[in-house]
Amino acid sequence: MREEEKKRTSQKSNFQRIIKKRWALPAIYILVAAIVLSAALWYQNAGSNSANPDDQKSAELGKNDKQPAVEANRSLENFSMPVKDQDNSVVKKDFYDEKASKEQQEAALVFYNNTYQQNKGMDFAMKDGKDFNVIASLSGKVTRVEEDSVLGNVVEVEHSKGIVTRYSSVQGIKVAVGDEVSKGQAIAKAGQSLLNEEAGTHVHFEIRKDDVAVNPKSFFEKSLADLQETNVAPDESEKITEEDQADAEGTQEENVTEDSQAKEESQSQKSEDKGTPAEEKSEENTTDSQTKNN
């Protein structure tokens, strides 16, 4: 017992001696500070490592969201007519619709180079026949600008993969390939084309999905998403069928025949009117001669 007490007493005396030295307390403070600092750094690193994966995922999601944002906005837009002043516009020639009546189909035929063709869009003009600004029906990217004397120059805007709007019979084109255009933005002026000279100053407007023309009237005020969900049949031919061409030619022949018959009847009527006085004079002369003989 006494030996243990002596050992404890000696240990306490040694510790007190160390504490009394000048360098002891500063050394202890430095050691404690180093331990606390190391613990703080370790905790911070552990927290940042656990947060990094989420941050990276959110950053990647943010990057990915930037790309389809434009597509999402376009999907919310509705197709509109390529004419700003719709009240003063008129449809010169409608889309050739397979479901339309015979009369409507014949009215939607285009005659060019001795061939009848189905109109694959709608032809718009002003009531007064003057030129006007052609506007983008929907936001998109210009993918085609082409000079064409038959079509009257062409501008094509892509809105989604496989979906485009086409504007032909235009002049004074204001956009170039690669330009991003907004809905309602003026892209050209209405012009003329050899394909449809009867329409005068107009714009020929088409909506196409996978290079198949669809009836623009069916998608005005409808969204891009509506067209994306629509199934379209492959376009077998853009030319008029032989049966329809025969019908159209037959209609023209009937009109010509009716006109010729009307002219013949008119001429016959005139000749009859002219012949009546002559006959009357002849009868009078015959009567006079008979009277003299008597």
Foldseek 3Di string as FASTA:
>chain_A
DVVVVVVVVVVVVVVVVQVPDPVNVVVVVVVVVVVVVVVVVVVVVVVVVVCVVVVVVVVVVVVVCVVCPLLVVQQPDAFAAQADCVVQKDWCAFFQDPPDDLVNNLRQWFADPNFTFGQLFIKMAGPVLDKGFGWGRAWFFWADWDDDQAQLTKTWGDSDVQKIKMKTQFAAADDDGGDTHHGGHGGTMFHAHNRHNVSHGIITMFIGGNNHTDGVVVGGRHGPVVVVPDDDDDDPDRGDDPVSVVVSVVVVVVVVVVVVVVVVVVVVVVVVVVVVVVVVVVVVVVVVVVVVVD
